[in-house]
PDB file of N, CA and C in Angstrom:
ATOM      1  N   UNK A   1      41.595  17.040 -33.323  1.00  0.00           N
ATOM      2  CA  UNK A   1      41.321  18.229 -32.563  1.00  0.00           C
ATOM      3  C   UNK A   1      40.649  17.827 -31.261  1.00  0.00           C
ATOM      4  N   UNK A   2      41.117  18.327 -30.159  1.00  0.00           N
ATOM      5  CA  UNK A   2      40.573  18.032 -28.847  1.00  0.00           C
ATOM      6  C   UNK A   2      39.642  19.156 -28.425  1.00  0.00           C
ATOM      7  N   UNK A   3      38.511  18.796 -27.883  1.00  0.00           N
ATOM      8  CA  UNK A   3      37.558  19.804 -27.419  1.00  0.00           C
ATOM      9  C   UNK A   3      37.731  20.051 -25.932  1.00  0.00           C
ATOM     10  N   UNK A   4      37.401  21.193 -25.505  1.00  0.00           N
ATOM     11  CA  UNK A   4      37.489  21.537 -24.089  1.00  0.00           C
ATOM     12  C   UNK A   4      36.114  21.339 -23.449  1.00  0.00           C
ATOM     13  N   UNK A   5      36.112  20.864 -22.221  1.00  0.00           N
ATOM     14  CA  UNK A   5      34.881  20.645 -21.474  1.00  0.00           C
ATOM     15  C   UNK A   5      34.694  21.825 -20.535  1.00  0.00           C
ATOM     16  N   UNK A   6      33.599  22.525 -20.673  1.00  0.00           N
ATOM     17  CA  UNK A   6      33.341  23.682 -19.815  1.00  0.00           C
ATOM     18  C   UNK A   6      32.518  23.240 -18.620  1.00  0.00           C
ATOM     19  N   UNK A   7      32.994  23.527 -17.434  1.00  0.00           N
ATOM     20  CA  UNK A   7      32.294  23.189 -16.204  1.00  0.00           C
ATOM     21  C   UNK A   7      31.828  24.472 -15.536  1.00  0.00           C
ATOM     22  N   UNK A   8      30.666  24.457 -14.915  1.00  0.00           N
ATOM     23  CA  UNK A   8      30.208  25.657 -14.223  1.00  0.00           C
ATOM     24  C   UNK A   8      31.089  25.932 -13.014  1.00  0.00           C
ATOM     25  N   UNK A   9      31.264  27.184 -12.732  1.00  0.00           N
ATOM     26  CA  UNK A   9      32.067  27.589 -11.587  1.00  0.00           C
ATOM     27  C   UNK A   9      31.154  27.671 -10.382  1.00  0.00           C
ATOM     28  N   UNK A  10      31.516  26.966  -9.322  1.00  0.00           N
ATOM     29  CA  UNK A  10      30.725  26.968  -8.103  1.00  0.00           C
ATOM     30  C   UNK A  10      31.350  27.927  -7.114  1.00  0.00           C
ATOM     31  N   UNK A  11      30.531  28.737  -6.513  1.00  0.00           N
ATOM     32  CA  UNK A  11      31.061  29.646  -5.504  1.00  0.00           C
ATOM     33  C   UNK A  11      30.896  29.014  -4.138  1.00  0.00           C
ATOM     34  N   UNK A  12      31.883  29.150  -3.320  1.00  0.00           N
ATOM     35  CA  UNK A  12      31.844  28.594  -1.978  1.00  0.00           C
ATOM     36  C   UNK A  12      31.238  29.616  -1.034  1.00  0.00           C
ATOM     37  N   UNK A  13      30.302  29.158  -0.224  1.00  0.00           N
ATOM     38  CA  UNK A  13      29.717  30.043   0.780  1.00  0.00           C
ATOM     39  C   UNK A  13      30.059  29.496   2.145  1.00  0.00           C
ATOM     40  N   UNK A  14      30.161  30.350   3.094  1.00  0.00           N
ATOM     41  CA  UNK A  14      30.483  29.918   4.447  1.00  0.00           C
ATOM     42  C   UNK A  14      29.201  29.601   5.191  1.00  0.00           C
ATOM     43  N   UNK A  15      29.283  28.663   6.086  1.00  0.00           N
ATOM     44  CA  UNK A  15      28.123  28.312   6.903  1.00  0.00           C
ATOM     45  C   UNK A  15      27.926  29.420   7.925  1.00  0.00           C
ATOM     46  N   UNK A  16      26.740  29.994   7.930  1.00  0.00           N
ATOM     47  CA  UNK A  16      26.511  31.126   8.804  1.00  0.00           C
ATOM     48  C   UNK A  16      25.812  30.735  10.094  1.00  0.00           C
ATOM     49  N   UNK A  17      24.815  29.925  10.035  1.00  0.00           N
ATOM     50  CA  UNK A  17      24.067  29.584  11.240  1.00  0.00           C
ATOM     51  C   UNK A  17      23.645  28.128  11.158  1.00  0.00           C
ATOM     52  N   UNK A  18      23.172  27.624  12.275  1.00  0.00           N
ATOM     53  CA  UNK A  18      22.686  26.249  12.315  1.00  0.00           C
ATOM     54  C   UNK A  18      21.443  26.146  11.443  1.00  0.00           C
ATOM     55  N   UNK A  19      21.200  24.973  10.843  1.00  0.00           N
ATOM     56  CA  UNK A  19      20.011  24.814  10.010  1.00  0.00           C
ATOM     57  C   UNK A  19      18.747  25.020  10.830  1.00  0.00           C
ATOM     58  N   UNK A  20      17.725  25.507  10.170  1.00  0.00           N
ATOM     59  CA  UNK A  20      16.453  25.749  10.843  1.00  0.00           C
ATOM     60  C   UNK A  20      15.851  24.427  11.303  1.00  0.00           C
ATOM     61  N   UNK A  21      15.062  24.493  12.344  1.00  0.00           N
ATOM     62  CA  UNK A  21      14.422  23.297  12.888  1.00  0.00           C
ATOM     63  C   UNK A  21      13.424  22.736  11.880  1.00  0.00           C
ATOM     64  N   UNK A  22      13.291  21.427  11.854  1.00  0.00           N
ATOM     65  CA  UNK A  22      12.351  20.777  10.946  1.00  0.00           C
ATOM     66  C   UNK A  22      10.952  20.940  11.514  1.00  0.00           C
ATOM     67  N   UNK A  23       9.996  21.394  10.708  1.00  0.00           N
ATOM     68  CA  UNK A  23       8.628  21.537  11.209  1.00  0.00           C
ATOM     69  C   UNK A  23       8.080  20.199  11.697  1.00  0.00           C
ATOM     70  N   UNK A  24       7.200  20.247  12.671  1.00  0.00           N
ATOM     71  CA  UNK A  24       6.639  19.034  13.272  1.00  0.00           C
ATOM     72  C   UNK A  24       5.939  18.160  12.237  1.00  0.00           C
ATOM     73  N   UNK A  25       5.306  18.753  11.252  1.00  0.00           N
ATOM     74  CA  UNK A  25       4.583  17.975  10.239  1.00  0.00           C
ATOM     75  C   UNK A  25       5.530  17.101   9.427  1.00  0.00           C
ATOM     76  N   UNK A  26       6.768  17.530   9.229  1.00  0.00           N
ATOM     77  CA  UNK A  26       7.722  16.748   8.464  1.00  0.00           C
ATOM     78  C   UNK A  26       8.424  15.695   9.307  1.00  0.00           C
ATOM     79  N   UNK A  27       8.267  15.771  10.618  1.00  0.00           N
ATOM     80  CA  UNK A  27       8.960  14.860  11.515  1.00  0.00           C
ATOM     81  C   UNK A  27       8.244  13.521  11.668  1.00  0.00           C
ATOM     82  N   UNK A  28       7.070  13.347  11.057  1.00  0.00           N
ATOM     83  CA  UNK A  28       6.331  12.091  11.153  1.00  0.00           C
ATOM     84  C   UNK A  28       7.048  11.030  10.339  1.00  0.00           C
ATOM     85  N   UNK A  29       7.293   9.900  10.969  1.00  0.00           N
ATOM     86  CA  UNK A  29       7.974   8.807  10.287  1.00  0.00           C
ATOM     87  C   UNK A  29       6.988   8.058   9.395  1.00  0.00           C
ATOM     88  N   UNK A  30       7.482   7.545   8.318  1.00  0.00           N
ATOM     89  CA  UNK A  30       6.678   6.728   7.418  1.00  0.00           C
ATOM     90  C   UNK A  30       6.129   5.501   8.156  1.00  0.00           C
ATOM     91  N   UNK A  31       6.877   5.019   9.127  1.00  0.00           N
ATOM     92  CA  UNK A  31       6.480   3.828   9.875  1.00  0.00           C
ATOM     93  C   UNK A  31       5.323   4.115  10.829  1.00  0.00           C
ATOM     94  N   UNK A  32       5.071   5.397  11.136  1.00  0.00           N
ATOM     95  CA  UNK A  32       3.984   5.778  12.024  1.00  0.00           C
ATOM     96  C   UNK A  32       2.642   5.863  11.302  1.00  0.00           C
ATOM     97  N   UNK A  33       2.655   5.849   9.986  1.00  0.00           N
ATOM     98  CA  UNK A  33       1.429   5.953   9.208  1.00  0.00           C
ATOM     99  C   UNK A  33       0.657   4.640   9.258  1.00  0.00           C
ATOM    100  N   UNK A  34      -0.686   4.702   9.177  1.00  0.00           N
ATOM    101  CA  UNK A  34      -1.461   3.452   9.192  1.00  0.00           C
ATOM    102  C   UNK A  34      -1.176   2.639   7.933  1.00  0.00           C
ATOM    103  N   UNK A  35      -1.353   1.318   8.014  1.00  0.00           N
ATOM    104  CA  UNK A  35      -1.111   0.498   6.828  1.00  0.00           C
ATOM    105  C   UNK A  35      -2.076   0.869   5.706  1.00  0.00           C
ATOM    106  N   UNK A  36      -1.641   0.656   4.498  1.00  0.00           N
ATOM    107  CA  UNK A  36      -2.485   0.930   3.346  1.00  0.00           C
ATOM    108  C   UNK A  36      -3.600  -0.117   3.266  1.00  0.00           C
ATOM    109  N   UNK A  37      -4.739   0.236   2.686  1.00  0.00           N
ATOM    110  CA  UNK A  37      -5.848  -0.724   2.609  1.00  0.00           C
ATOM    111  C   UNK A  37      -5.578  -1.840   1.609  1.00  0.00           C
ATOM    112  N   UNK A  38      -6.330  -2.919   1.784  1.00  0.00           N
ATOM    113  CA  UNK A  38      -6.281  -4.007   0.812  1.00  0.00           C
ATOM    114  C   UNK A  38      -7.057  -3.585  -0.430  1.00  0.00           C
ATOM    115  N   UNK A  39      -6.685  -4.131  -1.571  1.00  0.00           N
ATOM    116  CA  UNK A  39      -7.354  -3.833  -2.829  1.00  0.00           C
ATOM    117  C   UNK A  39      -7.500  -5.099  -3.656  1.00  0.00           C
ATOM    118  N   UNK A  40      -8.527  -5.120  -4.491  1.00  0.00           N
ATOM    119  CA  UNK A  40      -8.699  -6.205  -5.456  1.00  0.00           C
ATOM    120  C   UNK A  40      -7.854  -5.842  -6.667  1.00  0.00           C
ATOM    121  N   UNK A  41      -6.939  -6.717  -7.053  1.00  0.00           N
ATOM    122  CA  UNK A  41      -6.044  -6.442  -8.174  1.00  0.00           C
ATOM    123  C   UNK A  41      -6.351  -7.323  -9.375  1.00  0.00           C
ATOM    124  N   UNK A  42      -7.622  -7.526  -9.614  1.00  0.00           N
ATOM    125  CA  UNK A  42      -8.126  -8.230 -10.791  1.00  0.00           C
ATOM    126  C   UNK A  42      -9.537  -7.709 -11.027  1.00  0.00           C
ATOM    127  N   UNK A  43     -10.198  -8.133 -12.060  1.00  0.00           N
ATOM    128  CA  UNK A  43     -11.549  -7.627 -12.344  1.00  0.00           C
ATOM    129  C   UNK A  43     -12.532  -7.978 -11.227  1.00  0.00           C
ATOM    130  N   UNK A  44     -12.440  -9.201 -10.703  1.00  0.00           N
ATOM    131  CA  UNK A  44     -13.344  -9.645  -9.645  1.00  0.00           C
ATOM    132  C   UNK A  44     -12.742 -10.849  -8.931  1.00  0.00           C
ATOM    133  N   UNK A  45     -13.169 -11.050  -7.701  1.00  0.00           N
ATOM    134  CA  UNK A  45     -12.743 -12.212  -6.934  1.00  0.00           C
ATOM    135  C   UNK A  45     -13.957 -12.740  -6.169  1.00  0.00           C
ATOM    136  N   UNK A  46     -14.072 -14.051  -6.054  1.00  0.00           N
ATOM    137  CA  UNK A  46     -15.222 -14.681  -5.408  1.00  0.00           C
ATOM    138  C   UNK A  46     -15.030 -14.741  -3.903  1.00  0.00           C
ATOM    139  N   UNK A  47     -16.089 -14.387  -3.164  1.00  0.00           N
ATOM    140  CA  UNK A  47     -16.111 -14.539  -1.709  1.00  0.00           C
ATOM    141  C   UNK A  47     -16.653 -15.934  -1.439  1.00  0.00           C
ATOM    142  N   UNK A  48     -15.936 -16.719  -0.648  1.00  0.00           N
ATOM    143  CA  UNK A  48     -16.306 -18.118  -0.409  1.00  0.00           C
ATOM    144  C   UNK A  48     -16.597 -18.379   1.064  1.00  0.00           C
ATOM    145  N   UNK A  49     -17.341 -19.461   1.333  1.00  0.00           N
ATOM    146  CA  UNK A  49     -17.728 -19.806   2.705  1.00  0.00           C
ATOM    147  C   UNK A  49     -16.559 -20.364   3.514  1.00  0.00           C
ATOM    148  N   UNK A  50     -15.607 -20.989   2.847  1.00  0.00           N
ATOM    149  CA  UNK A  50     -14.415 -21.533   3.510  1.00  0.00           C
ATOM    150  C   UNK A  50     -13.190 -21.149   2.700  1.00  0.00           C
ATOM    151  N   UNK A  51     -12.026 -21.313   3.285  1.00  0.00           N
ATOM    152  CA  UNK A  51     -10.773 -20.939   2.633  1.00  0.00           C
ATOM    153  C   UNK A  51     -10.317 -22.006   1.649  1.00  0.00           C
ATOM    154  N   UNK A  52     -11.165 -22.281   0.659  1.00  0.00           N
ATOM    155  CA  UNK A  52     -10.843 -23.235  -0.386  1.00  0.00           C
ATOM    156  C   UNK A  52     -11.659 -22.902  -1.637  1.00  0.00           C
ATOM    157  N   UNK A  53     -11.098 -23.179  -2.786  1.00  0.00           N
ATOM    158  CA  UNK A  53     -11.799 -22.874  -4.048  1.00  0.00           C
ATOM    159  C   UNK A  53     -12.996 -23.789  -4.277  1.00  0.00           C
ATOM    160  N   UNK A  54     -13.096 -24.887  -3.538  1.00  0.00           N
ATOM    161  CA  UNK A  54     -14.205 -25.828  -3.720  1.00  0.00           C
ATOM    162  C   UNK A  54     -15.400 -25.512  -2.828  1.00  0.00           C
ATOM    163  N   UNK A  55     -15.297 -24.478  -1.991  1.00  0.00           N
ATOM    164  CA  UNK A  55     -16.401 -24.134  -1.091  1.00  0.00           C
ATOM    165  C   UNK A  55     -17.449 -23.284  -1.803  1.00  0.00           C
ATOM    166  N   UNK A  56     -18.571 -23.100  -1.156  1.00  0.00           N
ATOM    167  CA  UNK A  56     -19.703 -22.355  -1.718  1.00  0.00           C
ATOM    168  C   UNK A  56     -19.357 -20.888  -1.947  1.00  0.00           C
ATOM    169  N   UNK A  57     -19.752 -20.374  -3.104  1.00  0.00           N
ATOM    170  CA  UNK A  57     -19.563 -18.951  -3.412  1.00  0.00           C
ATOM    171  C   UNK A  57     -20.664 -18.153  -2.728  1.00  0.00           C
ATOM    172  N   UNK A  58     -20.263 -17.096  -2.001  1.00  0.00           N
ATOM    173  CA  UNK A  58     -21.223 -16.257  -1.285  1.00  0.00           C
ATOM    174  C   UNK A  58     -21.449 -14.900  -1.946  1.00  0.00           C
ATOM    175  N   UNK A  59     -20.472 -14.473  -2.741  1.00  0.00           N
ATOM    176  CA  UNK A  59     -20.572 -13.171  -3.377  1.00  0.00           C
ATOM    177  C   UNK A  59     -19.342 -12.893  -4.217  1.00  0.00           C
ATOM    178  N   UNK A  60     -19.266 -11.674  -4.718  1.00  0.00           N
ATOM    179  CA  UNK A  60     -18.154 -11.278  -5.576  1.00  0.00           C
ATOM    180  C   UNK A  60     -17.661  -9.909  -5.132  1.00  0.00           C
ATOM    181  N   UNK A  61     -16.342  -9.757  -5.091  1.00  0.00           N
ATOM    182  CA  UNK A  61     -15.725  -8.450  -4.852  1.00  0.00           C
ATOM    183  C   UNK A  61     -15.202  -7.941  -6.178  1.00  0.00           C
ATOM    184  N   UNK A  62     -15.594  -6.739  -6.545  1.00  0.00           N
ATOM    185  CA  UNK A  62     -15.070  -6.115  -7.746  1.00  0.00           C
ATOM    186  C   UNK A  62     -13.992  -5.112  -7.363  1.00  0.00           C
ATOM    187  N   UNK A  63     -13.284  -4.629  -8.338  1.00  0.00           N
ATOM    188  CA  UNK A  63     -12.175  -3.716  -8.090  1.00  0.00           C
ATOM    189  C   UNK A  63     -12.572  -2.493  -7.264  1.00  0.00           C
ATOM    190  N   UNK A  64     -13.759  -1.990  -7.432  1.00  0.00           N
ATOM    191  CA  UNK A  64     -14.165  -0.773  -6.734  1.00  0.00           C
ATOM    192  C   UNK A  64     -14.778  -1.020  -5.359  1.00  0.00           C
ATOM    193  N   UNK A  65     -15.060  -2.259  -5.005  1.00  0.00           N
ATOM    194  CA  UNK A  65     -15.670  -2.562  -3.711  1.00  0.00           C
ATOM    195  C   UNK A  65     -14.726  -2.236  -2.560  1.00  0.00           C
ATOM    196  N   UNK A  66     -15.316  -1.810  -1.458  1.00  0.00           N
ATOM    197  CA  UNK A  66     -14.576  -1.586  -0.215  1.00  0.00           C
ATOM    198  C   UNK A  66     -14.798  -2.807   0.668  1.00  0.00           C
ATOM    199  N   UNK A  67     -13.746  -3.239   1.352  1.00  0.00           N
ATOM    200  CA  UNK A  67     -13.888  -4.397   2.226  1.00  0.00           C
ATOM    201  C   UNK A  67     -12.921  -4.296   3.395  1.00  0.00           C
ATOM    202  N   UNK A  68     -13.241  -5.040   4.449  1.00  0.00           N
ATOM    203  CA  UNK A  68     -12.424  -5.071   5.657  1.00  0.00           C
ATOM    204  C   UNK A  68     -11.849  -6.469   5.812  1.00  0.00           C
ATOM    205  N   UNK A  69     -10.572  -6.555   6.117  1.00  0.00           N
ATOM    206  CA  UNK A  69      -9.930  -7.845   6.352  1.00  0.00           C
ATOM    207  C   UNK A  69      -9.886  -8.078   7.857  1.00  0.00           C
ATOM    208  N   UNK A  70     -10.401  -9.235   8.297  1.00  0.00           N
ATOM    209  CA  UNK A  70     -10.439  -9.565   9.723  1.00  0.00           C
ATOM    210  C   UNK A  70      -9.291 -10.474  10.145  1.00  0.00           C
ATOM    211  N   UNK A  71      -8.979 -11.462   9.313  1.00  0.00           N
ATOM    212  CA  UNK A  71      -7.892 -12.382   9.653  1.00  0.00           C
ATOM    213  C   UNK A  71      -7.378 -13.055   8.404  1.00  0.00           C
ATOM    214  N   UNK A  72      -6.236 -13.733   8.571  1.00  0.00           N
ATOM    215  CA  UNK A  72      -5.601 -14.465   7.471  1.00  0.00           C
ATOM    216  C   UNK A  72      -5.454 -15.925   7.850  1.00  0.00           C
ATOM    217  N   UNK A  73      -5.495 -16.783   6.847  1.00  0.00           N
ATOM    218  CA  UNK A  73      -5.218 -18.195   7.029  1.00  0.00           C
ATOM    219  C   UNK A  73      -4.483 -18.658   5.781  1.00  0.00           C
ATOM    220  N   UNK A  74      -3.171 -18.799   5.903  1.00  0.00           N
ATOM    221  CA  UNK A  74      -2.365 -19.131   4.728  1.00  0.00           C
ATOM    222  C   UNK A  74      -2.453 -18.009   3.719  1.00  0.00           C
ATOM    223  N   UNK A  75      -2.879 -18.314   2.506  1.00  0.00           N
ATOM    224  CA  UNK A  75      -3.022 -17.309   1.457  1.00  0.00           C
ATOM    225  C   UNK A  75      -4.459 -16.801   1.349  1.00  0.00           C
ATOM    226  N   UNK A  76      -5.307 -17.094   2.332  1.00  0.00           N
ATOM    227  CA  UNK A  76      -6.708 -16.689   2.300  1.00  0.00           C
ATOM    228  C   UNK A  76      -6.960 -15.604   3.340  1.00  0.00           C
ATOM    229  N   UNK A  77      -7.889 -14.696   3.009  1.00  0.00           N
ATOM    230  CA  UNK A  77      -8.254 -13.592   3.898  1.00  0.00           C
ATOM    231  C   UNK A  77      -9.739 -13.668   4.217  1.00  0.00           C
ATOM    232  N   UNK A  78     -10.089 -13.548   5.503  1.00  0.00           N
ATOM    233  CA  UNK A  78     -11.494 -13.491   5.903  1.00  0.00           C
ATOM    234  C   UNK A  78     -11.909 -12.030   5.878  1.00  0.00           C
ATOM    235  N   UNK A  79     -12.893 -11.691   5.062  1.00  0.00           N
ATOM    236  CA  UNK A  79     -13.245 -10.289   4.821  1.00  0.00           C
ATOM    237  C   UNK A  79     -14.736 -10.033   5.043  1.00  0.00           C
ATOM    238  N   UNK A  80     -15.082  -8.754   5.132  1.00  0.00           N
ATOM    239  CA  UNK A  80     -16.472  -8.298   5.079  1.00  0.00           C
ATOM    240  C   UNK A  80     -16.565  -7.294   3.943  1.00  0.00           C
ATOM    241  N   UNK A  81     -17.464  -7.550   3.014  1.00  0.00           N
ATOM    242  CA  UNK A  81     -17.729  -6.609   1.923  1.00  0.00           C
ATOM    243  C   UNK A  81     -18.547  -5.467   2.518  1.00  0.00           C
ATOM    244  N   UNK A  82     -18.004  -4.265   2.536  1.00  0.00           N
ATOM    245  CA  UNK A  82     -18.688  -3.118   3.150  1.00  0.00           C
ATOM    246  C   UNK A  82     -19.937  -2.701   2.385  1.00  0.00           C
ATOM    247  N   UNK A  83     -20.013  -3.029   1.109  1.00  0.00           N
ATOM    248  CA  UNK A  83     -21.170  -2.652   0.303  1.00  0.00           C
ATOM    249  C   UNK A  83     -22.370  -3.536   0.601  1.00  0.00           C
ATOM    250  N   UNK A  84     -22.141  -4.844   0.689  1.00  0.00           N
ATOM    251  CA  UNK A  84     -23.252  -5.795   0.857  1.00  0.00           C
ATOM    252  C   UNK A  84     -23.326  -6.400   2.253  1.00  0.00           C
ATOM    253  N   UNK A  85     -22.245  -6.327   3.027  1.00  0.00           N
ATOM    254  CA  UNK A  85     -22.214  -6.935   4.354  1.00  0.00           C
ATOM    255  C   UNK A  85     -21.864  -8.412   4.328  1.00  0.00           C
ATOM    256  N   UNK A  86     -21.597  -8.971   3.155  1.00  0.00           N
ATOM    257  CA  UNK A  86     -21.255 -10.389   3.034  1.00  0.00           C
ATOM    258  C   UNK A  86     -19.890 -10.636   3.659  1.00  0.00           C
ATOM    259  N   UNK A  87     -19.825 -11.703   4.482  1.00  0.00           N
ATOM    260  CA  UNK A  87     -18.562 -12.102   5.110  1.00  0.00           C
ATOM    261  C   UNK A  87     -18.136 -13.430   4.526  1.00  0.00           C
ATOM    262  N   UNK A  88     -16.842 -13.586   4.297  1.00  0.00           N
ATOM    263  CA  UNK A  88     -16.334 -14.840   3.770  1.00  0.00           C
ATOM    264  C   UNK A  88     -14.859 -14.753   3.448  1.00  0.00           C
ATOM    265  N   UNK A  89     -14.376 -15.755   2.744  1.00  0.00           N
ATOM    266  CA  UNK A  89     -12.959 -15.889   2.437  1.00  0.00           C
ATOM    267  C   UNK A  89     -12.668 -15.528   0.984  1.00  0.00           C
ATOM    268  N   UNK A  90     -11.570 -14.819   0.760  1.00  0.00           N
ATOM    269  CA  UNK A  90     -11.109 -14.536  -0.600  1.00  0.00           C
ATOM    270  C   UNK A  90      -9.637 -14.925  -0.702  1.00  0.00           C
ATOM    271  N   UNK A  91      -9.225 -15.273  -1.907  1.00  0.00           N
ATOM    272  CA  UNK A  91      -7.842 -15.684  -2.127  1.00  0.00           C
ATOM    273  C   UNK A  91      -6.912 -14.472  -2.109  1.00  0.00           C
ATOM    274  N   UNK A  92      -5.810 -14.594  -1.387  1.00  0.00           N
ATOM    275  CA  UNK A  92      -4.801 -13.543  -1.338  1.00  0.00           C
ATOM    276  C   UNK A  92      -4.049 -13.387  -2.646  1.00  0.00           C
ATOM    277  N   UNK A  93      -4.272 -14.292  -3.583  1.00  0.00           N
ATOM    278  CA  UNK A  93      -3.651 -14.173  -4.899  1.00  0.00           C
ATOM    279  C   UNK A  93      -4.199 -12.963  -5.644  1.00  0.00           C
ATOM    280  N   UNK A  94      -5.452 -12.633  -5.383  1.00  0.00           N
ATOM    281  CA  UNK A  94      -6.119 -11.550  -6.100  1.00  0.00           C
ATOM    282  C   UNK A  94      -6.375 -10.317  -5.241  1.00  0.00           C
ATOM    283  N   UNK A  95      -6.269 -10.480  -3.935  1.00  0.00           N
ATOM    284  CA  UNK A  95      -6.530  -9.392  -2.989  1.00  0.00           C
ATOM    285  C   UNK A  95      -5.300  -9.243  -2.120  1.00  0.00           C
ATOM    286  N   UNK A  96      -4.697  -8.061  -2.165  1.00  0.00           N
ATOM    287  CA  UNK A  96      -3.537  -7.854  -1.302  1.00  0.00           C
ATOM    288  C   UNK A  96      -3.371  -6.391  -0.966  1.00  0.00           C
ATOM    289  N   UNK A  97      -2.588  -6.145   0.041  1.00  0.00           N
ATOM    290  CA  UNK A  97      -2.352  -4.791   0.523  1.00  0.00           C
ATOM    291  C   UNK A  97      -1.206  -4.167  -0.249  1.00  0.00           C
ATOM    292  N   UNK A  98      -1.428  -2.953  -0.725  1.00  0.00           N
ATOM    293  CA  UNK A  98      -0.336  -2.200  -1.327  1.00  0.00           C
ATOM    294  C   UNK A  98       0.645  -1.822  -0.225  1.00  0.00           C
ATOM    295  N   UNK A  99       1.868  -1.611  -0.591  1.00  0.00           N
ATOM    296  CA  UNK A  99       2.896  -1.248   0.388  1.00  0.00           C
ATOM    297  C   UNK A  99       3.497   0.096   0.042  1.00  0.00           C
ATOM    298  N   UNK A 100       4.010   0.756   1.045  1.00  0.00           N
ATOM    299  CA  UNK A 100       4.722   2.008   0.806  1.00  0.00           C
ATOM    300  C   UNK A 100       6.181   1.789   1.173  1.00  0.00           C
ATOM    301  N   UNK A 101       7.029   2.511   0.543  1.00  0.00           N
ATOM    302  CA  UNK A 101       8.455   2.408   0.810  1.00  0.00           C
ATOM    303  C   UNK A 101       8.860   3.595   1.678  1.00  0.00           C
ATOM    304  N   UNK A 102       9.441   3.303   2.821  1.00  0.00           N
ATOM    305  CA  UNK A 102       9.898   4.345   3.720  1.00  0.00           C
ATOM    306  C   UNK A 102      11.374   4.632   3.440  1.00  0.00           C
ATOM    307  N   UNK A 103      11.684   5.859   3.157  1.00  0.00           N
ATOM    308  CA  UNK A 103      13.051   6.239   2.855  1.00  0.00           C
ATOM    309  C   UNK A 103      13.624   7.072   3.987  1.00  0.00           C
ATOM    310  N   UNK A 104      13.677   6.494   5.166  1.00  0.00           N
ATOM    311  CA  UNK A 104      14.221   7.186   6.333  1.00  0.00           C
ATOM    312  C   UNK A 104      15.717   7.040   6.404  1.00  0.00           C
TER     313      UNK A 104
END
């Protein structure tokens, strides 16, 4: 026994007018938005005096800490911990910027 497949009936409508203008708020490109902040993606990361694991530890960044990235050197980032004011290097293995996907 063969079954019949029921498909919905679509009604055709005629185009009446030009589409409405896109509001200015929706016209902002994803590329115009500021970059997303850096985040610690592990429990903690050590702030070091130089861009090497053998250098002196100056402090610790935890997941909730806020920090500013000033420059990069290879896989290392020179940062300032906004909570304590400590400046130093952290490994980019544990600290990185989230990215957004633009679907333009």
